[in-house]
Amino acid sequence: MKKKIKGTLNCPRLYIFKSNKHLYAQIIDDSNNKIITGISSISKEINQYANCKVAKKIGHNIAKKLQEQGIKKIIFDRGNNIYHGQIKELADATRDSGINF
């Protein structure tokens, strides 16, 4: 049974979705049912197929967007993905940019 992961406005949830070709990251406030910000490999800033280098770019960009909004702590939700490869690179890049999980 999967545990429900909930984020708040002070500590939102970073949700990762991975398709066959692309990688998506969203910051979600579950208490208000709102998406605060998001970025993906198909956004104008990146626009490439997902690989480990693109996952690092997504991690750095999502961290920059969080810091602009004054958020320093998040809850990491990898979904059904294992913590390996692109998911790990994205998480490490977000941590390296100063966001705490």
PDB file of N, CA and C in Angstrom:
ATOM      1  N   MET A   1       0.840  -1.174   0.000  1.00  0.00           N
ATOM      2  CA  MET A   1       0.000   0.000   0.000  1.00  0.00           C
ATOM      3  C   MET A   1       0.885   1.236   0.000  1.00  0.00           C
ATOM      4  N   LYS A   2       0.605   2.160  -0.882  1.00  0.00           N
ATOM      5  CA  LYS A   2       1.411   3.368  -0.993  1.00  0.00           C
ATOM      6  C   LYS A   2       0.945   4.409   0.012  1.00  0.00           C
ATOM      7  N   LYS A   3       1.901   5.031   0.669  1.00  0.00           N
ATOM      8  CA  LYS A   3       1.600   6.093   1.621  1.00  0.00           C
ATOM      9  C   LYS A   3       1.283   7.368   0.849  1.00  0.00           C
ATOM     10  N   LYS A   4       0.247   8.088   1.269  1.00  0.00           N
ATOM     11  CA  LYS A   4      -0.109   9.349   0.636  1.00  0.00           C
ATOM     12  C   LYS A   4       0.880  10.418   1.064  1.00  0.00           C
ATOM     13  N   ILE A   5       1.450  11.110   0.105  1.00  0.00           N
ATOM     14  CA  ILE A   5       2.395  12.181   0.379  1.00  0.00           C
ATOM     15  C   ILE A   5       1.667  13.494   0.158  1.00  0.00           C
ATOM     16  N   LYS A   6       1.672  14.362   1.163  1.00  0.00           N
ATOM     17  CA  LYS A   6       0.969  15.640   1.062  1.00  0.00           C
ATOM     18  C   LYS A   6       1.937  16.777   1.292  1.00  0.00           C
ATOM     19  N   GLY A   7       1.787  17.831   0.517  1.00  0.00           N
ATOM     20  CA  GLY A   7       2.600  19.025   0.674  1.00  0.00           C
ATOM     21  C   GLY A   7       1.742  20.192   1.124  1.00  0.00           C
ATOM     22  N   THR A   8       2.365  21.159   1.773  1.00  0.00           N
ATOM     23  CA  THR A   8       1.667  22.365   2.214  1.00  0.00           C
ATOM     24  C   THR A   8       2.288  23.565   1.510  1.00  0.00           C
ATOM     25  N   LEU A   9       1.788  24.746   1.806  1.00  0.00           N
ATOM     26  CA  LEU A   9       2.333  25.950   1.195  1.00  0.00           C
ATOM     27  C   LEU A   9       3.758  26.205   1.675  1.00  0.00           C
ATOM     28  N   ASN A  10       4.038  25.920   2.959  1.00  0.00           N
ATOM     29  CA  ASN A  10       5.381  26.126   3.503  1.00  0.00           C
ATOM     30  C   ASN A  10       6.353  25.034   3.066  1.00  0.00           C
ATOM     31  N   CYS A  11       5.844  23.835   2.864  1.00  0.00           N
ATOM     32  CA  CYS A  11       6.681  22.704   2.456  1.00  0.00           C
ATOM     33  C   CYS A  11       5.943  21.933   1.346  1.00  0.00           C
ATOM     34  N   PRO A  12       5.983  22.449   0.104  1.00  0.00           N
ATOM     35  CA  PRO A  12       5.226  21.807  -0.976  1.00  0.00           C
ATOM     36  C   PRO A  12       5.863  20.499  -1.434  1.00  0.00           C
ATOM     37  N   ARG A  13       5.149  19.816  -2.309  1.00  0.00           N
ATOM     38  CA  ARG A  13       5.566  18.505  -2.806  1.00  0.00           C
ATOM     39  C   ARG A  13       6.141  18.654  -4.211  1.00  0.00           C
ATOM     40  N   LEU A  14       7.320  18.083  -4.435  1.00  0.00           N
ATOM     41  CA  LEU A  14       7.924  18.024  -5.766  1.00  0.00           C
ATOM     42  C   LEU A  14       7.542  16.684  -6.376  1.00  0.00           C
ATOM     43  N   TYR A  15       6.649  16.710  -7.368  1.00  0.00           N
ATOM     44  CA  TYR A  15       6.177  15.491  -8.009  1.00  0.00           C
ATOM     45  C   TYR A  15       6.902  15.309  -9.342  1.00  0.00           C
ATOM     46  N   ILE A  16       7.426  14.125  -9.568  1.00  0.00           N
ATOM     47  CA  ILE A  16       8.161  13.796 -10.787  1.00  0.00           C
ATOM     48  C   ILE A  16       7.342  12.807 -11.608  1.00  0.00           C
ATOM     49  N   PHE A  17       7.144  13.121 -12.891  1.00  0.00           N
ATOM     50  CA  PHE A  17       6.498  12.201 -13.821  1.00  0.00           C
ATOM     51  C   PHE A  17       7.463  11.960 -14.974  1.00  0.00           C
ATOM     52  N   LYS A  18       7.626  10.709 -15.329  1.00  0.00           N
ATOM     53  CA  LYS A  18       8.551  10.341 -16.392  1.00  0.00           C
ATOM     54  C   LYS A  18       7.796   9.545 -17.444  1.00  0.00           C
ATOM     55  N   SER A  19       7.803  10.043 -18.681  1.00  0.00           N
ATOM     56  CA  SER A  19       7.218   9.290 -19.787  1.00  0.00           C
ATOM     57  C   SER A  19       8.352   8.621 -20.565  1.00  0.00           C
ATOM     58  N   ASN A  20       8.030   8.038 -21.704  1.00  0.00           N
ATOM     59  CA  ASN A  20       9.065   7.372 -22.497  1.00  0.00           C
ATOM     60  C   ASN A  20      10.108   8.349 -23.032  1.00  0.00           C
ATOM     61  N   LYS A  21       9.681   9.583 -23.351  1.00  0.00           N
ATOM     62  CA  LYS A  21      10.594  10.542 -23.963  1.00  0.00           C
ATOM     63  C   LYS A  21      10.877  11.770 -23.107  1.00  0.00           C
ATOM     64  N   HIS A  22      10.010  12.098 -22.167  1.00  0.00           N
ATOM     65  CA  HIS A  22      10.135  13.366 -21.456  1.00  0.00           C
ATOM     66  C   HIS A  22      10.053  13.189 -19.946  1.00  0.00           C
ATOM     67  N   LEU A  23      10.471  14.248 -19.246  1.00  0.00           N
ATOM     68  CA  LEU A  23      10.508  14.274 -17.791  1.00  0.00           C
ATOM     69  C   LEU A  23       9.805  15.545 -17.333  1.00  0.00           C
ATOM     70  N   TYR A  24       8.927  15.431 -16.353  1.00  0.00           N
ATOM     71  CA  TYR A  24       8.137  16.555 -15.862  1.00  0.00           C
ATOM     72  C   TYR A  24       8.335  16.690 -14.358  1.00  0.00           C
ATOM     73  N   ALA A  25       8.444  17.921 -13.873  1.00  0.00           N
ATOM     74  CA  ALA A  25       8.562  18.187 -12.439  1.00  0.00           C
ATOM     75  C   ALA A  25       7.568  19.284 -12.082  1.00  0.00           C
ATOM     76  N   GLN A  26       6.755  19.042 -11.059  1.00  0.00           N
ATOM     77  CA  GLN A  26       5.765  20.016 -10.613  1.00  0.00           C
ATOM     78  C   GLN A  26       5.892  20.223  -9.118  1.00  0.00           C
ATOM     79  N   ILE A  27       5.717  21.467  -8.683  1.00  0.00           N
ATOM     80  CA  ILE A  27       5.665  21.793  -7.267  1.00  0.00           C
ATOM     81  C   ILE A  27       4.197  21.986  -6.920  1.00  0.00           C
ATOM     82  N   ILE A  28       3.688  21.175  -5.992  1.00  0.00           N
ATOM     83  CA  ILE A  28       2.257  21.130  -5.695  1.00  0.00           C
ATOM     84  C   ILE A  28       2.005  21.470  -4.236  1.00  0.00           C
ATOM     85  N   ASP A  29       1.016  22.342  -4.000  1.00  0.00           N
ATOM     86  CA  ASP A  29       0.517  22.652  -2.664  1.00  0.00           C
ATOM     87  C   ASP A  29      -0.789  21.878  -2.498  1.00  0.00           C
ATOM     88  N   ASP A  30      -0.744  20.760  -1.769  1.00  0.00           N
ATOM     89  CA  ASP A  30      -1.918  19.894  -1.632  1.00  0.00           C
ATOM     90  C   ASP A  30      -2.985  20.483  -0.725  1.00  0.00           C
ATOM     91  N   SER A  31      -2.617  21.359   0.199  1.00  0.00           N
ATOM     92  CA  SER A  31      -3.617  21.922   1.103  1.00  0.00           C
ATOM     93  C   SER A  31      -4.582  22.842   0.355  1.00  0.00           C
ATOM     94  N   ASN A  32      -4.099  23.510  -0.709  1.00  0.00           N
ATOM     95  CA  ASN A  32      -4.958  24.378  -1.520  1.00  0.00           C
ATOM     96  C   ASN A  32      -5.262  23.789  -2.894  1.00  0.00           C
ATOM     97  N   ASN A  33      -4.777  22.582  -3.159  1.00  0.00           N
ATOM     98  CA  ASN A  33      -4.959  21.913  -4.455  1.00  0.00           C
ATOM     99  C   ASN A  33      -4.496  22.788  -5.618  1.00  0.00           C
ATOM    100  N   LYS A  34      -3.285  23.341  -5.502  1.00  0.00           N
ATOM    101  CA  LYS A  34      -2.748  24.217  -6.537  1.00  0.00           C
ATOM    102  C   LYS A  34      -1.352  23.767  -6.944  1.00  0.00           C
ATOM    103  N   ILE A  35      -1.047  23.958  -8.209  1.00  0.00           N
ATOM    104  CA  ILE A  35       0.307  23.748  -8.706  1.00  0.00           C
ATOM    105  C   ILE A  35       1.014  25.090  -8.624  1.00  0.00           C
ATOM    106  N   ILE A  36       2.087  25.146  -7.852  1.00  0.00           N
ATOM    107  CA  ILE A  36       2.812  26.399  -7.657  1.00  0.00           C
ATOM    108  C   ILE A  36       3.652  26.720  -8.889  1.00  0.00           C
ATOM    109  N   THR A  37       4.424  25.768  -9.344  1.00  0.00           N
ATOM    110  CA  THR A  37       5.242  25.947 -10.540  1.00  0.00           C
ATOM    111  C   THR A  37       5.594  24.578 -11.111  1.00  0.00           C
ATOM    112  N   GLY A  38       6.099  24.580 -12.302  1.00  0.00           N
ATOM    113  CA  GLY A  38       6.495  23.327 -12.924  1.00  0.00           C
ATOM    114  C   GLY A  38       7.428  23.568 -14.092  1.00  0.00           C
ATOM    115  N   ILE A  39       8.121  22.532 -14.476  1.00  0.00           N
ATOM    116  CA  ILE A  39       9.025  22.590 -15.626  1.00  0.00           C
ATOM    117  C   ILE A  39       9.127  21.182 -16.204  1.00  0.00           C
ATOM    118  N   SER A  40       9.413  21.102 -17.487  1.00  0.00           N
ATOM    119  CA  SER A  40       9.548  19.791 -18.114  1.00  0.00           C
ATOM    120  C   SER A  40      10.600  19.848 -19.206  1.00  0.00           C
ATOM    121  N   SER A  41      10.895  18.701 -19.768  1.00  0.00           N
ATOM    122  CA  SER A  41      11.887  18.637 -20.838  1.00  0.00           C
ATOM    123  C   SER A  41      11.328  19.169 -22.154  1.00  0.00           C
ATOM    124  N   ILE A  42      10.030  19.459 -22.227  1.00  0.00           N
ATOM    125  CA  ILE A  42       9.458  20.045 -23.438  1.00  0.00           C
ATOM    126  C   ILE A  42       9.220  21.542 -23.292  1.00  0.00           C
ATOM    127  N   SER A  43       9.622  22.133 -22.164  1.00  0.00           N
ATOM    128  CA  SER A  43       9.458  23.573 -21.985  1.00  0.00           C
ATOM    129  C   SER A  43      10.447  24.322 -22.881  1.00  0.00           C
ATOM    130  N   LYS A  44      10.193  25.609 -23.093  1.00  0.00           N
ATOM    131  CA  LYS A  44      11.027  26.409 -23.993  1.00  0.00           C
ATOM    132  C   LYS A  44      12.470  26.497 -23.520  1.00  0.00           C
ATOM    133  N   GLU A  45      12.681  26.459 -22.205  1.00  0.00           N
ATOM    134  CA  GLU A  45      14.028  26.604 -21.661  1.00  0.00           C
ATOM    135  C   GLU A  45      14.915  25.406 -21.986  1.00  0.00           C
ATOM    136  N   ILE A  46      14.331  24.222 -22.109  1.00  0.00           N
ATOM    137  CA  ILE A  46      15.125  23.000 -22.280  1.00  0.00           C
ATOM    138  C   ILE A  46      14.896  22.380 -23.658  1.00  0.00           C
ATOM    139  N   ASN A  47      13.676  21.956 -23.956  1.00  0.00           N
ATOM    140  CA  ASN A  47      13.248  21.444 -25.258  1.00  0.00           C
ATOM    141  C   ASN A  47      14.166  20.351 -25.821  1.00  0.00           C
ATOM    142  N   GLN A  48      14.348  19.283 -25.043  1.00  0.00           N
ATOM    143  CA  GLN A  48      15.135  18.126 -25.470  1.00  0.00           C
ATOM    144  C   GLN A  48      14.474  16.866 -24.926  1.00  0.00           C
ATOM    145  N   TYR A  49      14.847  15.724 -25.511  1.00  0.00           N
ATOM    146  CA  TYR A  49      14.400  14.464 -24.930  1.00  0.00           C
ATOM    147  C   TYR A  49      15.092  14.257 -23.591  1.00  0.00           C
ATOM    148  N   ALA A  50      14.436  13.545 -22.700  1.00  0.00           N
ATOM    149  CA  ALA A  50      14.958  13.365 -21.344  1.00  0.00           C
ATOM    150  C   ALA A  50      16.157  12.426 -21.330  1.00  0.00           C
ATOM    151  N   ASN A  51      17.199  12.863 -20.653  1.00  0.00           N
ATOM    152  CA  ASN A  51      18.347  12.035 -20.312  1.00  0.00           C
ATOM    153  C   ASN A  51      18.904  12.597 -19.005  1.00  0.00           C
ATOM    154  N   CYS A  52      20.023  12.104 -18.547  1.00  0.00           N
ATOM    155  CA  CYS A  52      20.542  12.540 -17.244  1.00  0.00           C
ATOM    156  C   CYS A  52      20.968  14.003 -17.250  1.00  0.00           C
ATOM    157  N   LYS A  53      21.531  14.488 -18.358  1.00  0.00           N
ATOM    158  CA  LYS A  53      21.924  15.900 -18.436  1.00  0.00           C
ATOM    159  C   LYS A  53      20.706  16.810 -18.383  1.00  0.00           C
ATOM    160  N   VAL A  54      19.657  16.433 -19.082  1.00  0.00           N
ATOM    161  CA  VAL A  54      18.418  17.214 -19.069  1.00  0.00           C
ATOM    162  C   VAL A  54      17.783  17.172 -17.685  1.00  0.00           C
ATOM    163  N   ALA A  55      17.862  16.032 -17.007  1.00  0.00           N
ATOM    164  CA  ALA A  55      17.317  15.917 -15.649  1.00  0.00           C
ATOM    165  C   ALA A  55      18.040  16.868 -14.701  1.00  0.00           C
ATOM    166  N   LYS A  56      19.354  17.029 -14.871  1.00  0.00           N
ATOM    167  CA  LYS A  56      20.104  17.987 -14.050  1.00  0.00           C
ATOM    168  C   LYS A  56      19.633  19.410 -14.308  1.00  0.00           C
ATOM    169  N   LYS A  57      19.421  19.758 -15.592  1.00  0.00           N
ATOM    170  CA  LYS A  57      18.934  21.097 -15.939  1.00  0.00           C
ATOM    171  C   LYS A  57      17.571  21.355 -15.306  1.00  0.00           C
ATOM    172  N   ILE A  58      16.696  20.355 -15.359  1.00  0.00           N
ATOM    173  CA  ILE A  58      15.363  20.495 -14.768  1.00  0.00           C
ATOM    174  C   ILE A  58      15.484  20.703 -13.266  1.00  0.00           C
ATOM    175  N   GLY A  59      16.368  19.948 -12.611  1.00  0.00           N
ATOM    176  CA  GLY A  59      16.575  20.098 -11.172  1.00  0.00           C
ATOM    177  C   GLY A  59      17.067  21.479 -10.794  1.00  0.00           C
ATOM    178  N   HIS A  60      18.036  22.008 -11.542  1.00  0.00           N
ATOM    179  CA  HIS A  60      18.553  23.348 -11.256  1.00  0.00           C
ATOM    180  C   HIS A  60      17.493  24.420 -11.514  1.00  0.00           C
ATOM    181  N   ASN A  61      16.725  24.270 -12.606  1.00  0.00           N
ATOM    182  CA  ASN A  61      15.697  25.263 -12.931  1.00  0.00           C
ATOM    183  C   ASN A  61      14.555  25.259 -11.924  1.00  0.00           C
ATOM    184  N   ILE A  62      14.139  24.079 -11.470  1.00  0.00           N
ATOM    185  CA  ILE A  62      13.048  24.027 -10.490  1.00  0.00           C
ATOM    186  C   ILE A  62      13.519  24.603  -9.161  1.00  0.00           C
ATOM    187  N   ALA A  63      14.783  24.391  -8.817  1.00  0.00           N
ATOM    188  CA  ALA A  63      15.327  24.963  -7.580  1.00  0.00           C
ATOM    189  C   ALA A  63      15.388  26.484  -7.670  1.00  0.00           C
ATOM    190  N   LYS A  64      15.751  26.993  -8.842  1.00  0.00           N
ATOM    191  CA  LYS A  64      15.802  28.444  -9.031  1.00  0.00           C
ATOM    192  C   LYS A  64      14.407  29.057  -8.886  1.00  0.00           C
ATOM    193  N   LYS A  65      13.398  28.389  -9.458  1.00  0.00           N
ATOM    194  CA  LYS A  65      12.026  28.885  -9.340  1.00  0.00           C
ATOM    195  C   LYS A  65      11.542  28.850  -7.889  1.00  0.00           C
ATOM    196  N   LEU A  66      11.942  27.819  -7.146  1.00  0.00           N
ATOM    197  CA  LEU A  66      11.560  27.726  -5.736  1.00  0.00           C
ATOM    198  C   LEU A  66      12.218  28.831  -4.917  1.00  0.00           C
ATOM    199  N   GLN A  67      13.484  29.099  -5.181  1.00  0.00           N
ATOM    200  CA  GLN A  67      14.187  30.135  -4.433  1.00  0.00           C
ATOM    201  C   GLN A  67      13.629  31.513  -4.725  1.00  0.00           C
ATOM    202  N   GLU A  68      13.145  31.745  -5.944  1.00  0.00           N
ATOM    203  CA  GLU A  68      12.504  33.020  -6.275  1.00  0.00           C
ATOM    204  C   GLU A  68      11.240  33.227  -5.453  1.00  0.00           C
ATOM    205  N   GLN A  69      10.560  32.137  -5.109  1.00  0.00           N
ATOM    206  CA  GLN A  69       9.333  32.226  -4.321  1.00  0.00           C
ATOM    207  C   GLN A  69       9.590  32.095  -2.831  1.00  0.00           C
ATOM    208  N   GLY A  70      10.845  31.944  -2.423  1.00  0.00           N
ATOM    209  CA  GLY A  70      11.197  31.878  -1.009  1.00  0.00           C
ATOM    210  C   GLY A  70      10.980  30.522  -0.367  1.00  0.00           C
ATOM    211  N   ILE A  71      10.900  29.464  -1.156  1.00  0.00           N
ATOM    212  CA  ILE A  71      10.701  28.112  -0.633  1.00  0.00           C
ATOM    213  C   ILE A  71      12.057  27.420  -0.561  1.00  0.00           C
ATOM    214  N   LYS A  72      12.406  26.904   0.624  1.00  0.00           N
ATOM    215  CA  LYS A  72      13.707  26.251   0.804  1.00  0.00           C
ATOM    216  C   LYS A  72      13.583  24.781   1.180  1.00  0.00           C
ATOM    217  N   LYS A  73      12.372  24.332   1.536  1.00  0.00           N
ATOM    218  CA  LYS A  73      12.175  22.948   1.950  1.00  0.00           C
ATOM    219  C   LYS A  73      10.983  22.367   1.199  1.00  0.00           C
ATOM    220  N   ILE A  74      11.166  21.145   0.669  1.00  0.00           N
ATOM    221  CA  ILE A  74      10.103  20.484  -0.077  1.00  0.00           C
ATOM    222  C   ILE A  74      10.008  19.025   0.343  1.00  0.00           C
ATOM    223  N   ILE A  75       8.942  18.376  -0.112  1.00  0.00           N
ATOM    224  CA  ILE A  75       8.759  16.936   0.054  1.00  0.00           C
ATOM    225  C   ILE A  75       8.933  16.318  -1.330  1.00  0.00           C
ATOM    226  N   PHE A  76       9.782  15.311  -1.442  1.00  0.00           N
ATOM    227  CA  PHE A  76      10.086  14.686  -2.730  1.00  0.00           C
ATOM    228  C   PHE A  76       9.144  13.518  -2.971  1.00  0.00           C
ATOM    229  N   ASP A  77       8.420  13.559  -4.094  1.00  0.00           N
ATOM    230  CA  ASP A  77       7.497  12.493  -4.478  1.00  0.00           C
ATOM    231  C   ASP A  77       7.929  11.975  -5.848  1.00  0.00           C
ATOM    232  N   ARG A  78       8.553  10.807  -5.872  1.00  0.00           N
ATOM    233  CA  ARG A  78       9.055  10.257  -7.125  1.00  0.00           C
ATOM    234  C   ARG A  78       7.990   9.475  -7.877  1.00  0.00           C
ATOM    235  N   GLY A  79       6.787   9.375  -7.327  1.00  0.00           N
ATOM    236  CA  GLY A  79       5.726   8.618  -7.976  1.00  0.00           C
ATOM    237  C   GLY A  79       6.035   7.137  -7.958  1.00  0.00           C
ATOM    238  N   ASN A  80       5.812   6.455  -9.068  1.00  0.00           N
ATOM    239  CA  ASN A  80       6.099   5.021  -9.166  1.00  0.00           C
ATOM    240  C   ASN A  80       7.499   4.742  -9.694  1.00  0.00           C
ATOM    241  N   ASN A  81       8.296   5.782  -9.871  1.00  0.00           N
ATOM    242  CA  ASN A  81       9.641   5.622 -10.421  1.00  0.00           C
ATOM    243  C   ASN A  81      10.623   5.219  -9.331  1.00  0.00           C
ATOM    244  N   ILE A  82      11.593   4.391  -9.697  1.00  0.00           N
ATOM    245  CA  ILE A  82      12.637   4.034  -8.740  1.00  0.00           C
ATOM    246  C   ILE A  82      13.646   5.182  -8.660  1.00  0.00           C
ATOM    247  N   TYR A  83      14.302   5.296  -7.515  1.00  0.00           N
ATOM    248  CA  TYR A  83      15.271   6.370  -7.297  1.00  0.00           C
ATOM    249  C   TYR A  83      16.590   5.971  -7.946  1.00  0.00           C
ATOM    250  N   HIS A  84      16.676   6.195  -9.259  1.00  0.00           N
ATOM    251  CA  HIS A  84      17.830   5.752 -10.033  1.00  0.00           C
ATOM    252  C   HIS A  84      17.863   6.548 -11.333  1.00  0.00           C
ATOM    253  N   GLY A  85      19.022   6.805 -11.875  1.00  0.00           N
ATOM    254  CA  GLY A  85      19.148   7.431 -13.182  1.00  0.00           C
ATOM    255  C   GLY A  85      18.674   8.868 -13.207  1.00  0.00           C
ATOM    256  N   GLN A  86      17.697   9.153 -14.073  1.00  0.00           N
ATOM    257  CA  GLN A  86      17.209  10.514 -14.265  1.00  0.00           C
ATOM    258  C   GLN A  86      16.569  11.079 -13.004  1.00  0.00           C
ATOM    259  N   ILE A  87      15.836  10.258 -12.269  1.00  0.00           N
ATOM    260  CA  ILE A  87      15.180  10.721 -11.043  1.00  0.00           C
ATOM    261  C   ILE A  87      16.231  11.111 -10.011  1.00  0.00           C
ATOM    262  N   LYS A  88      17.265  10.306  -9.877  1.00  0.00           N
ATOM    263  CA  LYS A  88      18.339  10.599  -8.928  1.00  0.00           C
ATOM    264  C   LYS A  88      19.095  11.860  -9.325  1.00  0.00           C
ATOM    265  N   GLU A  89      19.394  12.033 -10.604  1.00  0.00           N
ATOM    266  CA  GLU A  89      20.098  13.227 -11.080  1.00  0.00           C
ATOM    267  C   GLU A  89      19.279  14.488 -10.824  1.00  0.00           C
ATOM    268  N   LEU A  90      17.975  14.423 -11.076  1.00  0.00           N
ATOM    269  CA  LEU A  90      17.105  15.568 -10.821  1.00  0.00           C
ATOM    270  C   LEU A  90      17.100  15.917  -9.334  1.00  0.00           C
ATOM    271  N   ALA A  91      16.975  14.923  -8.476  1.00  0.00           N
ATOM    272  CA  ALA A  91      16.953  15.159  -7.031  1.00  0.00           C
ATOM    273  C   ALA A  91      18.288  15.719  -6.546  1.00  0.00           C
ATOM    274  N   ASP A  92      19.397  15.173  -7.028  1.00  0.00           N
ATOM    275  CA  ASP A  92      20.716  15.656  -6.617  1.00  0.00           C
ATOM    276  C   ASP A  92      20.955  17.094  -7.072  1.00  0.00           C
ATOM    277  N   ALA A  93      20.536  17.429  -8.293  1.00  0.00           N
ATOM    278  CA  ALA A  93      20.704  18.796  -8.791  1.00  0.00           C
ATOM    279  C   ALA A  93      19.865  19.777  -7.985  1.00  0.00           C
ATOM    280  N   THR A  94      18.673  19.357  -7.576  1.00  0.00           N
ATOM    281  CA  THR A  94      17.822  20.221  -6.756  1.00  0.00           C
ATOM    282  C   THR A  94      18.452  20.434  -5.387  1.00  0.00           C
ATOM    283  N   ARG A  95      18.992  19.374  -4.807  1.00  0.00           N
ATOM    284  CA  ARG A  95      19.678  19.493  -3.508  1.00  0.00           C
ATOM    285  C   ARG A  95      20.921  20.373  -3.611  1.00  0.00           C
ATOM    286  N   ASP A  96      21.696  20.198  -4.673  1.00  0.00           N
ATOM    287  CA  ASP A  96      22.919  20.984  -4.860  1.00  0.00           C
ATOM    288  C   ASP A  96      22.624  22.471  -5.023  1.00  0.00           C
ATOM    289  N   SER A  97      21.422  22.793  -5.493  1.00  0.00           N
ATOM    290  CA  SER A  97      21.036  24.193  -5.673  1.00  0.00           C
ATOM    291  C   SER A  97      20.504  24.827  -4.397  1.00  0.00           C
ATOM    292  N   GLY A  98      20.477  24.070  -3.296  1.00  0.00           N
ATOM    293  CA  GLY A  98      20.118  24.658  -2.006  1.00  0.00           C
ATOM    294  C   GLY A  98      18.729  24.352  -1.496  1.00  0.00           C
ATOM    295  N   ILE A  99      18.028  23.401  -2.086  1.00  0.00           N
ATOM    296  CA  ILE A  99      16.694  23.029  -1.621  1.00  0.00           C
ATOM    297  C   ILE A  99      16.825  21.782  -0.751  1.00  0.00           C
ATOM    298  N   ASN A 100      16.184  21.791   0.414  1.00  0.00           N
ATOM    299  CA  ASN A 100      16.235  20.660   1.346  1.00  0.00           C
ATOM    300  C   ASN A 100      15.016  19.771   1.166  1.00  0.00           C
ATOM    301  N   PHE A 101      15.232  18.451   1.246  1.00  0.00           N
ATOM    302  CA  PHE A 101      14.133  17.476   1.175  1.00  0.00           C
ATOM    303  C   PHE A 101      13.816  17.019   2.574  1.00  0.00           C
TER     304      PHE A 101
END
